[in-house]
Amino acid sequence: EVQLVESGGGLVQAGGSLRLSCAASGLTFDRYAIGWFRQAPGKEREGVSCISSSDGSTYYPDSVKGRFTISSDNAKNTVYLQMNNLKPEDTAVYYCGVPLYNYWGQGTQVTVSA
């Protein structure tokens, strides 16, 4: 059984930082591209970063580029999302996932106050 467990969310003031973690089990981590996604109330889920665990290549949309950094520790089967200079519009539930196989975590709430 595949499990993805996120942690590290919380309440932070604008300009602050948070580091999210996603611990994976039940899959061979270095064979998948895994990403972070977020969903704000009333909005669709959107991707905010992705990393290929085989070669470490990454992707970020313009909305978070330069502020968010994704990384992975294959030995720990864990993916991280370092979020700096957070803005109120970053407020959402953040999920890690492997969309190709419909693997998703339960999400962790990130709230950024103005």
PDB file of N, CA and C in Angstrom:
ATOM      1  N   GLU A   1       0.843  -1.193   0.000  1.00  0.00           N
ATOM      2  CA  GLU A   1       0.000   0.000   0.000  1.00  0.00           C
ATOM      3  C   GLU A   1       0.883   1.249   0.000  1.00  0.00           C
ATOM      4  N   VAL A   2       0.595   2.147  -0.918  1.00  0.00           N
ATOM      5  CA  VAL A   2       1.346   3.395  -0.997  1.00  0.00           C
ATOM      6  C   VAL A   2       0.774   4.395   0.003  1.00  0.00           C
ATOM      7  N   GLN A   3       1.670   5.013   0.753  1.00  0.00           N
ATOM      8  CA  GLN A   3       1.272   6.077   1.672  1.00  0.00           C
ATOM      9  C   GLN A   3       2.183   7.273   1.513  1.00  0.00           C
ATOM     10  N   LEU A   4       1.587   8.433   1.470  1.00  0.00           N
ATOM     11  CA  LEU A   4       2.311   9.703   1.455  1.00  0.00           C
ATOM     12  C   LEU A   4       1.803  10.508   2.646  1.00  0.00           C
ATOM     13  N   VAL A   5       2.709  10.932   3.504  1.00  0.00           N
ATOM     14  CA  VAL A   5       2.319  11.635   4.724  1.00  0.00           C
ATOM     15  C   VAL A   5       3.038  12.975   4.774  1.00  0.00           C
ATOM     16  N   GLU A   6       2.250  14.049   4.693  1.00  0.00           N
ATOM     17  CA  GLU A   6       2.815  15.403   4.745  1.00  0.00           C
ATOM     18  C   GLU A   6       2.878  15.896   6.189  1.00  0.00           C
ATOM     19  N   SER A   7       3.814  16.779   6.427  1.00  0.00           N
ATOM     20  CA  SER A   7       3.919  17.452   7.724  1.00  0.00           C
ATOM     21  C   SER A   7       4.622  18.778   7.530  1.00  0.00           C
ATOM     22  N   GLY A   8       4.529  19.634   8.544  1.00  0.00           N
ATOM     23  CA  GLY A   8       5.267  20.886   8.508  1.00  0.00           C
ATOM     24  C   GLY A   8       4.440  22.126   8.246  1.00  0.00           C
ATOM     25  N   GLY A   9       3.165  21.958   8.001  1.00  0.00           N
ATOM     26  CA  GLY A   9       2.330  23.124   7.783  1.00  0.00           C
ATOM     27  C   GLY A   9       2.111  23.903   9.064  1.00  0.00           C
ATOM     28  N   GLY A  10       1.478  25.062   8.918  1.00  0.00           N
ATOM     29  CA  GLY A  10       1.203  25.876  10.096  1.00  0.00           C
ATOM     30  C   GLY A  10       0.819  27.282   9.720  1.00  0.00           C
ATOM     31  N   LEU A  11       0.833  28.144  10.724  1.00  0.00           N
ATOM     32  CA  LEU A  11       0.489  29.554  10.556  1.00  0.00           C
ATOM     33  C   LEU A  11       1.775  30.371  10.602  1.00  0.00           C
ATOM     34  N   VAL A  12       1.946  31.232   9.621  1.00  0.00           N
ATOM     35  CA  VAL A  12       3.152  32.054   9.552  1.00  0.00           C
ATOM     36  C   VAL A  12       2.772  33.433   9.032  1.00  0.00           C
ATOM     37  N   GLN A  13       3.517  34.424   9.433  1.00  0.00           N
ATOM     38  CA  GLN A  13       3.283  35.774   8.921  1.00  0.00           C
ATOM     39  C   GLN A  13       3.868  35.925   7.521  1.00  0.00           C
ATOM     40  N   ALA A  14       3.323  36.847   6.789  1.00  0.00           N
ATOM     41  CA  ALA A  14       3.849  37.138   5.459  1.00  0.00           C
ATOM     42  C   ALA A  14       5.341  37.459   5.548  1.00  0.00           C
ATOM     43  N   GLY A  15       6.095  36.902   4.605  1.00  0.00           N
ATOM     44  CA  GLY A  15       7.540  37.052   4.619  1.00  0.00           C
ATOM     45  C   GLY A  15       8.262  35.937   5.343  1.00  0.00           C
ATOM     46  N   GLY A  16       7.511  35.112   6.044  1.00  0.00           N
ATOM     47  CA  GLY A  16       8.103  34.019   6.798  1.00  0.00           C
ATOM     48  C   GLY A  16       8.358  32.792   5.943  1.00  0.00           C
ATOM     49  N   SER A  17       8.810  31.741   6.607  1.00  0.00           N
ATOM     50  CA  SER A  17       9.196  30.511   5.917  1.00  0.00           C
ATOM     51  C   SER A  17       8.591  29.298   6.606  1.00  0.00           C
ATOM     52  N   LEU A  18       8.388  28.270   5.818  1.00  0.00           N
ATOM     53  CA  LEU A  18       7.994  26.968   6.323  1.00  0.00           C
ATOM     54  C   LEU A  18       8.677  25.898   5.488  1.00  0.00           C
ATOM     55  N   ARG A  19       8.880  24.753   6.099  1.00  0.00           N
ATOM     56  CA  ARG A  19       9.436  23.612   5.375  1.00  0.00           C
ATOM     57  C   ARG A  19       8.473  22.435   5.519  1.00  0.00           C
ATOM     58  N   LEU A  20       7.944  22.008   4.400  1.00  0.00           N
ATOM     59  CA  LEU A  20       7.043  20.864   4.388  1.00  0.00           C
ATOM     60  C   LEU A  20       7.828  19.596   4.090  1.00  0.00           C
ATOM     61  N   SER A  21       7.374  18.499   4.659  1.00  0.00           N
ATOM     62  CA  SER A  21       7.973  17.191   4.402  1.00  0.00           C
ATOM     63  C   SER A  21       6.896  16.233   3.915  1.00  0.00           C
ATOM     64  N   CYS A  22       7.297  15.320   3.057  1.00  0.00           N
ATOM     65  CA  CYS A  22       6.399  14.276   2.563  1.00  0.00           C
ATOM     66  C   CYS A  22       7.149  12.958   2.649  1.00  0.00           C
ATOM     67  N   ALA A  23       6.738  12.115   3.586  1.00  0.00           N
ATOM     68  CA  ALA A  23       7.352  10.809   3.769  1.00  0.00           C
ATOM     69  C   ALA A  23       6.549   9.775   2.988  1.00  0.00           C
ATOM     70  N   ALA A  24       7.234   9.042   2.132  1.00  0.00           N
ATOM     71  CA  ALA A  24       6.574   8.074   1.267  1.00  0.00           C
ATOM     72  C   ALA A  24       6.924   6.654   1.688  1.00  0.00           C
ATOM     73  N   SER A  25       5.962   5.765   1.545  1.00  0.00           N
ATOM     74  CA  SER A  25       6.192   4.339   1.771  1.00  0.00           C
ATOM     75  C   SER A  25       5.380   3.554   0.757  1.00  0.00           C
ATOM     76  N   GLY A  26       5.838   2.339   0.492  1.00  0.00           N
ATOM     77  CA  GLY A  26       5.110   1.479  -0.439  1.00  0.00           C
ATOM     78  C   GLY A  26       5.428   1.728  -1.895  1.00  0.00           C
ATOM     79  N   LEU A  27       6.398   2.567  -2.168  1.00  0.00           N
ATOM     80  CA  LEU A  27       6.816   2.771  -3.544  1.00  0.00           C
ATOM     81  C   LEU A  27       8.321   2.969  -3.584  1.00  0.00           C
ATOM     82  N   THR A  28       8.889   2.657  -4.727  1.00  0.00           N
ATOM     83  CA  THR A  28      10.319   2.838  -4.911  1.00  0.00           C
ATOM     84  C   THR A  28      10.547   4.283  -5.320  1.00  0.00           C
ATOM     85  N   PHE A  29      10.994   5.059  -4.403  1.00  0.00           N
ATOM     86  CA  PHE A  29      10.972   6.505  -4.520  1.00  0.00           C
ATOM     87  C   PHE A  29      11.713   7.016  -5.736  1.00  0.00           C
ATOM     88  N   ASP A  30      12.830   6.404  -6.081  1.00  0.00           N
ATOM     89  CA  ASP A  30      13.641   6.961  -7.157  1.00  0.00           C
ATOM     90  C   ASP A  30      13.112   6.609  -8.545  1.00  0.00           C
ATOM     91  N   ARG A  31      11.950   6.024  -8.620  1.00  0.00           N
ATOM     92  CA  ARG A  31      11.358   5.716  -9.925  1.00  0.00           C
ATOM     93  C   ARG A  31      10.218   6.649 -10.293  1.00  0.00           C
ATOM     94  N   TYR A  32       9.940   7.632  -9.448  1.00  0.00           N
ATOM     95  CA  TYR A  32       8.770   8.468  -9.681  1.00  0.00           C
ATOM     96  C   TYR A  32       9.128   9.946  -9.688  1.00  0.00           C
ATOM     97  N   ALA A  33       8.360  10.679 -10.446  1.00  0.00           N
ATOM     98  CA  ALA A  33       8.348  12.123 -10.294  1.00  0.00           C
ATOM     99  C   ALA A  33       7.274  12.443  -9.263  1.00  0.00           C
ATOM    100  N   ILE A  34       7.654  13.163  -8.249  1.00  0.00           N
ATOM    101  CA  ILE A  34       6.725  13.485  -7.171  1.00  0.00           C
ATOM    102  C   ILE A  34       6.611  14.995  -7.067  1.00  0.00           C
ATOM    103  N   GLY A  35       5.445  15.453  -6.743  1.00  0.00           N
ATOM    104  CA  GLY A  35       5.247  16.893  -6.723  1.00  0.00           C
ATOM    105  C   GLY A  35       4.494  17.372  -5.505  1.00  0.00           C
ATOM    106  N   TRP A  36       4.554  18.685  -5.316  1.00  0.00           N
ATOM    107  CA  TRP A  36       3.752  19.372  -4.321  1.00  0.00           C
ATOM    108  C   TRP A  36       2.660  20.150  -5.041  1.00  0.00           C
ATOM    109  N   PHE A  37       1.475  20.094  -4.469  1.00  0.00           N
ATOM    110  CA  PHE A  37       0.308  20.750  -5.028  1.00  0.00           C
ATOM    111  C   PHE A  37      -0.390  21.499  -3.900  1.00  0.00           C
ATOM    112  N   ARG A  38      -1.219  22.445  -4.263  1.00  0.00           N
ATOM    113  CA  ARG A  38      -1.970  23.144  -3.225  1.00  0.00           C
ATOM    114  C   ARG A  38      -3.377  23.436  -3.718  1.00  0.00           C
ATOM    115  N   GLN A  39      -4.267  23.549  -2.763  1.00  0.00           N
ATOM    116  CA  GLN A  39      -5.650  23.874  -3.088  1.00  0.00           C
ATOM    117  C   GLN A  39      -6.186  24.835  -2.053  1.00  0.00           C
ATOM    118  N   ALA A  40      -6.544  26.012  -2.531  1.00  0.00           N
ATOM    119  CA  ALA A  40      -7.143  27.024  -1.679  1.00  0.00           C
ATOM    120  C   ALA A  40      -8.660  26.893  -1.749  1.00  0.00           C
ATOM    121  N   PRO A  41      -9.380  27.382  -0.758  1.00  0.00           N
ATOM    122  CA  PRO A  41     -10.844  27.281  -0.770  1.00  0.00           C
ATOM    123  C   PRO A  41     -11.439  27.893  -2.037  1.00  0.00           C
ATOM    124  N   GLY A  42     -12.291  27.133  -2.687  1.00  0.00           N
ATOM    125  CA  GLY A  42     -12.961  27.622  -3.872  1.00  0.00           C
ATOM    126  C   GLY A  42     -12.126  27.603  -5.145  1.00  0.00           C
ATOM    127  N   LYS A  43     -10.913  27.064  -5.037  1.00  0.00           N
ATOM    128  CA  LYS A  43     -10.032  27.029  -6.211  1.00  0.00           C
ATOM    129  C   LYS A  43      -9.644  25.595  -6.545  1.00  0.00           C
ATOM    130  N   GLU A  44      -9.189  25.419  -7.763  1.00  0.00           N
ATOM    131  CA  GLU A  44      -8.735  24.102  -8.182  1.00  0.00           C
ATOM    132  C   GLU A  44      -7.347  23.818  -7.626  1.00  0.00           C
ATOM    133  N   ARG A  45      -7.033  22.533  -7.519  1.00  0.00           N
ATOM    134  CA  ARG A  45      -5.692  22.150  -7.079  1.00  0.00           C
ATOM    135  C   ARG A  45      -4.691  22.554  -8.154  1.00  0.00           C
ATOM    136  N   GLU A  46      -3.580  23.117  -7.722  1.00  0.00           N
ATOM    137  CA  GLU A  46      -2.541  23.539  -8.665  1.00  0.00           C
ATOM    138  C   GLU A  46      -1.192  22.993  -8.227  1.00  0.00           C
ATOM    139  N   GLY A  47      -0.359  22.719  -9.205  1.00  0.00           N
ATOM    140  CA  GLY A  47       0.984  22.254  -8.902  1.00  0.00           C
ATOM    141  C   GLY A  47       1.885  23.414  -8.544  1.00  0.00           C
ATOM    142  N   VAL A  48       2.726  23.235  -7.530  1.00  0.00           N
ATOM    143  CA  VAL A  48       3.669  24.272  -7.142  1.00  0.00           C
ATOM    144  C   VAL A  48       5.116  23.827  -7.274  1.00  0.00           C
ATOM    145  N   SER A  49       5.355  22.542  -7.460  1.00  0.00           N
ATOM    146  CA  SER A  49       6.715  22.082  -7.701  1.00  0.00           C
ATOM    147  C   SER A  49       6.692  20.604  -8.022  1.00  0.00           C
ATOM    148  N   CYS A  50       7.739  20.167  -8.687  1.00  0.00           N
ATOM    149  CA  CYS A  50       7.850  18.763  -9.037  1.00  0.00           C
ATOM    150  C   CYS A  50       9.325  18.418  -9.118  1.00  0.00           C
ATOM    151  N   ILE A  51       9.658  17.208  -8.728  1.00  0.00           N
ATOM    152  CA  ILE A  51      11.039  16.764  -8.809  1.00  0.00           C
ATOM    153  C   ILE A  51      11.069  15.342  -9.340  1.00  0.00           C
ATOM    154  N   SER A  52      12.020  15.133 -10.236  1.00  0.00           N
ATOM    155  CA  SER A  52      12.270  13.790 -10.721  1.00  0.00           C
ATOM    156  C   SER A  52      13.285  13.148  -9.791  1.00  0.00           C
ATOM    157  N   SER A  53      12.883  12.100  -9.120  1.00  0.00           N
ATOM    158  CA  SER A  53      13.787  11.470  -8.165  1.00  0.00           C
ATOM    159  C   SER A  53      14.936  10.734  -8.849  1.00  0.00           C
ATOM    160  N   SER A  54      14.838  10.514 -10.157  1.00  0.00           N
ATOM    161  CA  SER A  54      15.925   9.812 -10.858  1.00  0.00           C
ATOM    162  C   SER A  54      17.076  10.746 -11.198  1.00  0.00           C
ATOM    163  N   ASP A  55      16.754  11.978 -11.642  1.00  0.00           N
ATOM    164  CA  ASP A  55      17.841  12.884 -12.019  1.00  0.00           C
ATOM    165  C   ASP A  55      17.797  14.216 -11.285  1.00  0.00           C
ATOM    166  N   GLY A  56      16.803  14.392 -10.408  1.00  0.00           N
ATOM    167  CA  GLY A  56      16.743  15.610  -9.610  1.00  0.00           C
ATOM    168  C   GLY A  56      16.258  16.845 -10.332  1.00  0.00           C
ATOM    169  N   SER A  57      15.822  16.709 -11.572  1.00  0.00           N
ATOM    170  CA  SER A  57      15.321  17.890 -12.283  1.00  0.00           C
ATOM    171  C   SER A  57      14.054  18.384 -11.599  1.00  0.00           C
ATOM    172  N   THR A  58      13.871  19.696 -11.618  1.00  0.00           N
ATOM    173  CA  THR A  58      12.762  20.313 -10.899  1.00  0.00           C
ATOM    174  C   THR A  58      11.953  21.234 -11.802  1.00  0.00           C
ATOM    175  N   TYR A  59      10.754  21.537 -11.343  1.00  0.00           N
ATOM    176  CA  TYR A  59       9.866  22.447 -12.063  1.00  0.00           C
ATOM    177  C   TYR A  59       9.137  23.300 -11.046  1.00  0.00           C
ATOM    178  N   TYR A  60       8.975  24.591 -11.398  1.00  0.00           N
ATOM    179  CA  TYR A  60       8.195  25.510 -10.571  1.00  0.00           C
ATOM    180  C   TYR A  60       7.372  26.419 -11.474  1.00  0.00           C
ATOM    181  N   PRO A  61       6.155  26.693 -11.119  1.00  0.00           N
ATOM    182  CA  PRO A  61       5.413  27.719 -11.857  1.00  0.00           C
ATOM    183  C   PRO A  61       5.929  29.099 -11.458  1.00  0.00           C
ATOM    184  N   ASP A  62       5.618  30.082 -12.261  1.00  0.00           N
ATOM    185  CA  ASP A  62       6.108  31.437 -12.002  1.00  0.00           C
ATOM    186  C   ASP A  62       5.647  31.970 -10.647  1.00  0.00           C
ATOM    187  N   SER A  63       4.500  31.519 -10.174  1.00  0.00           N
ATOM    188  CA  SER A  63       3.938  32.052  -8.937  1.00  0.00           C
ATOM    189  C   SER A  63       4.805  31.759  -7.714  1.00  0.00           C
ATOM    190  N   VAL A  64       5.645  30.732  -7.782  1.00  0.00           N
ATOM    191  CA  VAL A  64       6.469  30.383  -6.626  1.00  0.00           C
ATOM    192  C   VAL A  64       7.956  30.355  -6.954  1.00  0.00           C
ATOM    193  N   LYS A  65       8.310  30.521  -8.210  1.00  0.00           N
ATOM    194  CA  LYS A  65       9.709  30.436  -8.616  1.00  0.00           C
ATOM    195  C   LYS A  65      10.539  31.470  -7.858  1.00  0.00           C
ATOM    196  N   GLY A  66      11.661  31.010  -7.339  1.00  0.00           N
ATOM    197  CA  GLY A  66      12.521  31.907  -6.570  1.00  0.00           C
ATOM    198  C   GLY A  66      12.186  31.951  -5.090  1.00  0.00           C
ATOM    199  N   ARG A  67      11.033  31.438  -4.710  1.00  0.00           N
ATOM    200  CA  ARG A  67      10.623  31.413  -3.298  1.00  0.00           C
ATOM    201  C   ARG A  67      10.534  29.996  -2.745  1.00  0.00           C
ATOM    202  N   PHE A  68      10.129  29.065  -3.563  1.00  0.00           N
ATOM    203  CA  PHE A  68       9.963  27.679  -3.129  1.00  0.00           C
ATOM    204  C   PHE A  68      11.083  26.820  -3.705  1.00  0.00           C
ATOM    205  N   THR A  69      11.529  25.844  -2.925  1.00  0.00           N
ATOM    206  CA  THR A  69      12.548  24.905  -3.384  1.00  0.00           C
ATOM    207  C   THR A  69      12.146  23.493  -2.987  1.00  0.00           C
ATOM    208  N   ILE A  70      12.102  22.623  -3.964  1.00  0.00           N
ATOM    209  CA  ILE A  70      11.793  21.227  -3.704  1.00  0.00           C
ATOM    210  C   ILE A  70      13.085  20.432  -3.680  1.00  0.00           C
ATOM    211  N   SER A  71      13.146  19.455  -2.793  1.00  0.00           N
ATOM    212  CA  SER A  71      14.324  18.594  -2.719  1.00  0.00           C
ATOM    213  C   SER A  71      13.867  17.216  -2.262  1.00  0.00           C
ATOM    214  N   SER A  72      14.735  16.254  -2.467  1.00  0.00           N
ATOM    215  CA  SER A  72      14.376  14.899  -2.069  1.00  0.00           C
ATOM    216  C   SER A  72      15.553  14.204  -1.416  1.00  0.00           C
ATOM    217  N   ASP A  73      15.251  13.329  -0.500  1.00  0.00           N
ATOM    218  CA  ASP A  73      16.236  12.462   0.130  1.00  0.00           C
ATOM    219  C   ASP A  73      15.789  11.039  -0.167  1.00  0.00           C
ATOM    220  N   ASN A  74      16.358  10.464  -1.203  1.00  0.00           N
ATOM    221  CA  ASN A  74      15.912   9.135  -1.629  1.00  0.00           C
ATOM    222  C   ASN A  74      16.148   8.073  -0.563  1.00  0.00           C
ATOM    223  N   ALA A  75      17.192   8.236   0.213  1.00  0.00           N
ATOM    224  CA  ALA A  75      17.481   7.258   1.264  1.00  0.00           C
ATOM    225  C   ALA A  75      16.389   7.245   2.329  1.00  0.00           C
ATOM    226  N   LYS A  76      15.781   8.404   2.541  1.00  0.00           N
ATOM    227  CA  LYS A  76      14.705   8.519   3.534  1.00  0.00           C
ATOM    228  C   LYS A  76      13.324   8.457   2.892  1.00  0.00           C
ATOM    229  N   ASN A  77      13.289   8.336   1.559  1.00  0.00           N
ATOM    230  CA  ASN A  77      11.996   8.343   0.860  1.00  0.00           C
ATOM    231  C   ASN A  77      11.164   9.563   1.254  1.00  0.00           C
ATOM    232  N   THR A  78      11.803  10.697   1.278  1.00  0.00           N
ATOM    233  CA  THR A  78      11.145  11.928   1.724  1.00  0.00           C
ATOM    234  C   THR A  78      11.419  13.053   0.740  1.00  0.00           C
ATOM    235  N   VAL A  79      10.398  13.817   0.479  1.00  0.00           N
ATOM    236  CA  VAL A  79      10.501  15.011  -0.352  1.00  0.00           C
ATOM    237  C   VAL A  79      10.185  16.215   0.520  1.00  0.00           C
ATOM    238  N   TYR A  80      10.908  17.285   0.290  1.00  0.00           N
ATOM    239  CA  TYR A  80      10.741  18.497   1.083  1.00  0.00           C
ATOM    240  C   TYR A  80      10.315  19.654   0.187  1.00  0.00           C
ATOM    241  N   LEU A  81       9.644  20.601   0.772  1.00  0.00           N
ATOM    242  CA  LEU A  81       9.327  21.852   0.093  1.00  0.00           C
ATOM    243  C   LEU A  81       9.685  22.993   1.034  1.00  0.00           C
ATOM    244  N   GLN A  82      10.759  23.675   0.713  1.00  0.00           N
ATOM    245  CA  GLN A  82      11.160  24.861   1.471  1.00  0.00           C
ATOM    246  C   GLN A  82      10.440  26.063   0.878  1.00  0.00           C
ATOM    247  N   MET A  83       9.690  26.757   1.685  1.00  0.00           N
ATOM    248  CA  MET A  83       8.898  27.890   1.221  1.00  0.00           C
ATOM    249  C   MET A  83       9.366  29.139   1.954  1.00  0.00           C
ATOM    250  N   ASN A  84       9.903  30.065   1.201  1.00  0.00           N
ATOM    251  CA  ASN A  84      10.402  31.322   1.765  1.00  0.00           C
ATOM    252  C   ASN A  84       9.581  32.492   1.251  1.00  0.00           C
ATOM    253  N   ASN A  85       9.683  33.597   1.950  1.00  0.00           N
ATOM    254  CA  ASN A  85       8.976  34.816   1.553  1.00  0.00           C
ATOM    255  C   ASN A  85       7.501  34.522   1.259  1.00  0.00           C
ATOM    256  N   LEU A  86       6.880  33.854   2.174  1.00  0.00           N
ATOM    257  CA  LEU A  86       5.491  33.454   1.982  1.00  0.00           C
ATOM    258  C   LEU A  86       4.564  34.653   1.907  1.00  0.00           C
ATOM    259  N   LYS A  87       3.530  34.501   1.106  1.00  0.00           N
ATOM    260  CA  LYS A  87       2.558  35.553   0.892  1.00  0.00           C
ATOM    261  C   LYS A  87       1.168  35.046   1.292  1.00  0.00           C
ATOM    262  N   PRO A  88       0.259  35.940   1.619  1.00  0.00           N
ATOM    263  CA  PRO A  88      -1.095  35.494   1.979  1.00  0.00           C
ATOM    264  C   PRO A  88      -1.743  34.625   0.900  1.00  0.00           C
ATOM    265  N   GLU A  89      -1.422  34.891  -0.346  1.00  0.00           N
ATOM    266  CA  GLU A  89      -2.003  34.096  -1.436  1.00  0.00           C
ATOM    267  C   GLU A  89      -1.436  32.684  -1.519  1.00  0.00           C
ATOM    268  N   ASP A  90      -0.437  32.386  -0.706  1.00  0.00           N
ATOM    269  CA  ASP A  90       0.076  31.009  -0.618  1.00  0.00           C
ATOM    270  C   ASP A  90      -0.762  30.159   0.327  1.00  0.00           C
ATOM    271  N   THR A  91      -1.697  30.776   1.017  1.00  0.00           N
ATOM    272  CA  THR A  91      -2.550  30.033   1.944  1.00  0.00           C
ATOM    273  C   THR A  91      -3.341  28.969   1.209  1.00  0.00           C
ATOM    274  N   ALA A  92      -3.223  27.731   1.661  1.00  0.00           N
ATOM    275  CA  ALA A  92      -3.887  26.603   1.006  1.00  0.00           C
ATOM    276  C   ALA A  92      -3.574  25.331   1.792  1.00  0.00           C
ATOM    277  N   VAL A  93      -4.242  24.261   1.408  1.00  0.00           N
ATOM    278  CA  VAL A  93      -3.836  22.931   1.855  1.00  0.00           C
ATOM    279  C   VAL A  93      -2.822  22.419   0.839  1.00  0.00           C
ATOM    280  N   TYR A  94      -1.689  21.991   1.345  1.00  0.00           N
ATOM    281  CA  TYR A  94      -0.603  21.522   0.486  1.00  0.00           C
ATOM    282  C   TYR A  94      -0.562  19.994   0.522  1.00  0.00           C
ATOM    283  N   TYR A  95      -0.471  19.412  -0.659  1.00  0.00           N
ATOM    284  CA  TYR A  95      -0.441  17.971  -0.818  1.00  0.00           C
ATOM    285  C   TYR A  95       0.828  17.563  -1.563  1.00  0.00           C
ATOM    286  N   CYS A  96       1.375  16.430  -1.208  1.00  0.00           N
ATOM    287  CA  CYS A  96       2.353  15.820  -2.089  1.00  0.00           C
ATOM    288  C   CYS A  96       1.639  14.698  -2.831  1.00  0.00           C
ATOM    289  N   GLY A  97       2.137  14.409  -4.029  1.00  0.00           N
ATOM    290  CA  GLY A  97       1.445  13.409  -4.814  1.00  0.00           C
ATOM    291  C   GLY A  97       2.230  12.929  -6.008  1.00  0.00           C
ATOM    292  N   VAL A  98       1.817  11.794  -6.508  1.00  0.00           N
ATOM    293  CA  VAL A  98       2.315  11.242  -7.760  1.00  0.00           C
ATOM    294  C   VAL A  98       1.087  11.130  -8.662  1.00  0.00           C
ATOM    295  N   PRO A  99       0.754  12.208  -9.351  1.00  0.00           N
ATOM    296  CA  PRO A  99      -0.524  12.255 -10.094  1.00  0.00           C
ATOM    297  C   PRO A  99      -0.676  11.149 -11.134  1.00  0.00           C
ATOM    298  N   LEU A 100       0.448  10.735 -11.724  1.00  0.00           N
ATOM    299  CA  LEU A 100       0.366   9.716 -12.765  1.00  0.00           C
ATOM    300  C   LEU A 100      -0.276   8.431 -12.240  1.00  0.00           C
ATOM    301  N   TYR A 101      -0.061   8.149 -10.954  1.00  0.00           N
ATOM    302  CA  TYR A 101      -0.614   6.942 -10.355  1.00  0.00           C
ATOM    303  C   TYR A 101      -1.702   7.258  -9.335  1.00  0.00           C
ATOM    304  N   ASN A 102      -2.095   8.531  -9.266  1.00  0.00           N
ATOM    305  CA  ASN A 102      -3.152   8.964  -8.356  1.00  0.00           C
ATOM    306  C   ASN A 102      -2.816   8.648  -6.903  1.00  0.00           C
ATOM    307  N   TYR A 103      -1.541   8.865  -6.553  1.00  0.00           N
ATOM    308  CA  TYR A 103      -1.122   8.716  -5.160  1.00  0.00           C
ATOM    309  C   TYR A 103      -1.120  10.104  -4.526  1.00  0.00           C
ATOM    310  N   TRP A 104      -1.788  10.251  -3.396  1.00  0.00           N
ATOM    311  CA  TRP A 104      -1.884  11.556  -2.744  1.00  0.00           C
ATOM    312  C   TRP A 104      -1.780  11.404  -1.241  1.00  0.00           C
ATOM    313  N   GLY A 105      -1.199  12.404  -0.614  1.00  0.00           N
ATOM    314  CA  GLY A 105      -1.218  12.466   0.831  1.00  0.00           C
ATOM    315  C   GLY A 105      -2.498  13.101   1.330  1.00  0.00           C
ATOM    316  N   GLN A 106      -2.595  13.250   2.654  1.00  0.00           N
ATOM    317  CA  GLN A 106      -3.814  13.789   3.252  1.00  0.00           C
ATOM    318  C   GLN A 106      -3.803  15.316   3.290  1.00  0.00           C
ATOM    319  N   GLY A 107      -2.654  15.904   3.059  1.00  0.00           N
ATOM    320  CA  GLY A 107      -2.557  17.360   3.015  1.00  0.00           C
ATOM    321  C   GLY A 107      -2.149  17.964   4.342  1.00  0.00           C
ATOM    322  N   THR A 108      -1.547  19.133   4.260  1.00  0.00           N
ATOM    323  CA  THR A 108      -1.180  19.897   5.445  1.00  0.00           C
ATOM    324  C   THR A 108      -1.523  21.367   5.190  1.00  0.00           C
ATOM    325  N   GLN A 109      -2.133  21.994   6.173  1.00  0.00           N
ATOM    326  CA  GLN A 109      -2.617  23.363   6.012  1.00  0.00           C
ATOM    327  C   GLN A 109      -1.483  24.366   6.196  1.00  0.00           C
ATOM    328  N   VAL A 110      -1.387  25.275   5.254  1.00  0.00           N
ATOM    329  CA  VAL A 110      -0.470  26.409   5.358  1.00  0.00           C
ATOM    330  C   VAL A 110      -1.303  27.680   5.335  1.00  0.00           C
ATOM    331  N   THR A 111      -1.140  28.484   6.374  1.00  0.00           N
ATOM    332  CA  THR A 111      -1.877  29.743   6.460  1.00  0.00           C
ATOM    333  C   THR A 111      -0.876  30.872   6.638  1.00  0.00           C
ATOM    334  N   VAL A 112      -0.951  31.850   5.750  1.00  0.00           N
ATOM    335  CA  VAL A 112      -0.046  32.989   5.797  1.00  0.00           C
ATOM    336  C   VAL A 112      -0.865  34.236   6.108  1.00  0.00           C
ATOM    337  N   SER A 113      -0.559  34.862   7.227  1.00  0.00           N
ATOM    338  CA  SER A 113      -1.287  36.056   7.629  1.00  0.00           C
ATOM    339  C   SER A 113      -0.590  37.298   7.090  1.00  0.00           C
ATOM    340  N   ALA A 114      -1.406  38.310   6.811  1.00  0.00           N
ATOM    341  CA  ALA A 114      -0.849  39.547   6.247  1.00  0.00           C
ATOM    342  C   ALA A 114      -0.137  40.374   7.300  1.00  0.00           C
TER     343      ALA A 114
END
